[in-house]
Amino acid sequence: MELEALRAAISDKFMDSQRWVVMPTGQVKDEYGTEVYKRGYVNSLKKVLFS
């Protein structure tokens, strides 16, 4: 259940619904360019979930 919650948190569907953008560095920004999550956030979760 916890892993599914993490997958959902970084899914394209969720990011789109929040109008967030994932940068190549794994940083997440909102529609105004404000940082939501620091660099490495999405990339590190992907490593944990998919490796």
N, C-alpha and C. Protein backbone atom coordinates (compact mmCIF):
# COMPACT_ATOMS: atom_id res chain seq x y z
N MET A 1 0.83 -1.19 0.00
CA MET A 1 0.00 0.00 0.00
C MET A 1 0.88 1.26 0.00
N GLU A 2 1.94 1.25 0.79
CA GLU A 2 2.81 2.42 0.85
C GLU A 2 3.53 2.67 -0.48
N LEU A 3 3.97 1.57 -1.12
CA LEU A 3 4.65 1.73 -2.40
C LEU A 3 3.71 2.28 -3.47
N GLU A 4 2.47 1.84 -3.45
CA GLU A 4 1.49 2.35 -4.40
C GLU A 4 1.25 3.85 -4.17
N ALA A 5 1.24 4.27 -2.91
CA ALA A 5 1.06 5.69 -2.60
C ALA A 5 2.23 6.52 -3.15
N LEU A 6 3.43 5.99 -3.04
CA LEU A 6 4.59 6.70 -3.58
C LEU A 6 4.55 6.75 -5.10
N ARG A 7 4.15 5.65 -5.73
CA ARG A 7 4.02 5.64 -7.19
C ARG A 7 3.00 6.70 -7.65
N ALA A 8 1.89 6.76 -6.94
CA ALA A 8 0.85 7.73 -7.29
C ALA A 8 1.35 9.16 -7.09
N ALA A 9 2.19 9.39 -6.08
CA ALA A 9 2.68 10.73 -5.78
C ALA A 9 3.58 11.29 -6.87
N ILE A 10 4.21 10.41 -7.66
CA ILE A 10 5.09 10.89 -8.72
C ILE A 10 4.55 10.55 -10.11
N SER A 11 3.31 10.13 -10.17
CA SER A 11 2.72 9.76 -11.46
C SER A 11 2.46 11.00 -12.31
N ASP A 12 2.48 10.79 -13.62
CA ASP A 12 2.17 11.88 -14.55
C ASP A 12 0.76 12.41 -14.32
N LYS A 13 -0.16 11.50 -14.05
CA LYS A 13 -1.56 11.90 -13.81
C LYS A 13 -1.66 12.87 -12.63
N PHE A 14 -0.98 12.54 -11.53
CA PHE A 14 -1.02 13.41 -10.35
C PHE A 14 -0.32 14.74 -10.62
N MET A 15 0.85 14.68 -11.25
CA MET A 15 1.59 15.91 -11.55
C MET A 15 0.75 16.83 -12.43
N ASP A 16 0.11 16.26 -13.44
CA ASP A 16 -0.74 17.06 -14.33
C ASP A 16 -1.92 17.68 -13.57
N SER A 17 -2.53 16.90 -12.68
CA SER A 17 -3.70 17.41 -11.94
C SER A 17 -3.33 18.58 -11.03
N GLN A 18 -2.09 18.60 -10.57
CA GLN A 18 -1.62 19.68 -9.71
C GLN A 18 -1.00 20.83 -10.50
N ARG A 19 -0.86 20.61 -11.80
CA ARG A 19 -0.18 21.55 -12.70
C ARG A 19 1.28 21.74 -12.31
N TRP A 20 1.89 20.63 -11.92
CA TRP A 20 3.30 20.61 -11.55
C TRP A 20 4.11 20.05 -12.71
N VAL A 21 5.38 20.45 -12.75
CA VAL A 21 6.30 19.99 -13.78
C VAL A 21 7.50 19.35 -13.10
N VAL A 22 7.89 18.18 -13.59
CA VAL A 22 9.10 17.52 -13.09
C VAL A 22 10.25 17.94 -13.99
N MET A 23 11.27 18.51 -13.39
CA MET A 23 12.44 18.94 -14.12
C MET A 23 13.38 17.75 -14.32
N PRO A 24 14.30 17.82 -15.28
CA PRO A 24 15.24 16.71 -15.49
C PRO A 24 16.05 16.35 -14.25
N THR A 25 16.22 17.30 -13.35
CA THR A 25 16.98 17.05 -12.12
C THR A 25 16.15 16.35 -11.04
N GLY A 26 14.86 16.09 -11.33
CA GLY A 26 13.99 15.46 -10.34
C GLY A 26 13.28 16.46 -9.44
N GLN A 27 13.53 17.72 -9.67
CA GLN A 27 12.87 18.80 -8.93
C GLN A 27 11.45 18.96 -9.45
N VAL A 28 10.52 19.34 -8.59
CA VAL A 28 9.14 19.57 -9.00
C VAL A 28 8.83 21.05 -8.79
N LYS A 29 8.25 21.66 -9.85
CA LYS A 29 7.87 23.08 -9.77
C LYS A 29 6.39 23.21 -10.10
N ASP A 30 5.78 24.24 -9.52
CA ASP A 30 4.37 24.49 -9.83
C ASP A 30 4.26 25.33 -11.09
N GLU A 31 3.04 25.69 -11.45
CA GLU A 31 2.80 26.42 -12.70
C GLU A 31 3.44 27.80 -12.73
N TYR A 32 3.85 28.30 -11.57
CA TYR A 32 4.48 29.62 -11.49
C TYR A 32 6.01 29.53 -11.41
N GLY A 33 6.52 28.32 -11.43
CA GLY A 33 7.96 28.12 -11.34
C GLY A 33 8.48 28.02 -9.93
N THR A 34 7.57 27.97 -8.96
CA THR A 34 7.97 27.85 -7.56
C THR A 34 8.29 26.39 -7.24
N GLU A 35 9.39 26.18 -6.55
CA GLU A 35 9.79 24.83 -6.18
C GLU A 35 8.80 24.21 -5.20
N VAL A 36 8.30 23.02 -5.54
CA VAL A 36 7.43 22.26 -4.66
C VAL A 36 8.25 21.22 -3.92
N TYR A 37 9.11 20.51 -4.67
CA TYR A 37 10.04 19.52 -4.10
C TYR A 37 11.43 19.79 -4.63
N LYS A 38 12.41 19.59 -3.79
CA LYS A 38 13.80 19.88 -4.13
C LYS A 38 14.34 18.95 -5.20
N ARG A 39 15.46 19.34 -5.77
CA ARG A 39 16.14 18.53 -6.78
C ARG A 39 16.36 17.12 -6.24
N GLY A 40 16.13 16.16 -7.11
CA GLY A 40 16.37 14.76 -6.74
C GLY A 40 15.14 14.04 -6.22
N TYR A 41 14.08 14.76 -5.91
CA TYR A 41 12.89 14.16 -5.30
C TYR A 41 12.32 13.03 -6.15
N VAL A 42 11.94 13.34 -7.37
CA VAL A 42 11.32 12.33 -8.23
C VAL A 42 12.34 11.26 -8.62
N ASN A 43 13.54 11.67 -8.95
CA ASN A 43 14.56 10.71 -9.36
C ASN A 43 14.87 9.71 -8.25
N SER A 44 14.97 10.16 -7.03
CA SER A 44 15.27 9.24 -5.92
C SER A 44 14.11 8.29 -5.66
N LEU A 45 12.88 8.78 -5.74
CA LEU A 45 11.74 7.89 -5.55
C LEU A 45 11.66 6.84 -6.65
N LYS A 46 11.97 7.23 -7.88
CA LYS A 46 11.98 6.27 -8.98
C LYS A 46 13.03 5.19 -8.75
N LYS A 47 14.19 5.56 -8.24
CA LYS A 47 15.23 4.57 -7.96
C LYS A 47 14.75 3.57 -6.92
N VAL A 48 14.10 4.05 -5.89
CA VAL A 48 13.60 3.17 -4.82
C VAL A 48 12.49 2.27 -5.34
N LEU A 49 11.59 2.84 -6.12
CA LEU A 49 10.41 2.10 -6.55
C LEU A 49 10.65 1.15 -7.72
N PHE A 50 11.54 1.51 -8.62
CA PHE A 50 11.65 0.76 -9.86
C PHE A 50 13.00 0.08 -10.07
N SER A 51 13.78 -0.07 -9.02
CA SER A 51 15.05 -0.78 -9.19
C SER A 51 15.11 -2.01 -8.34
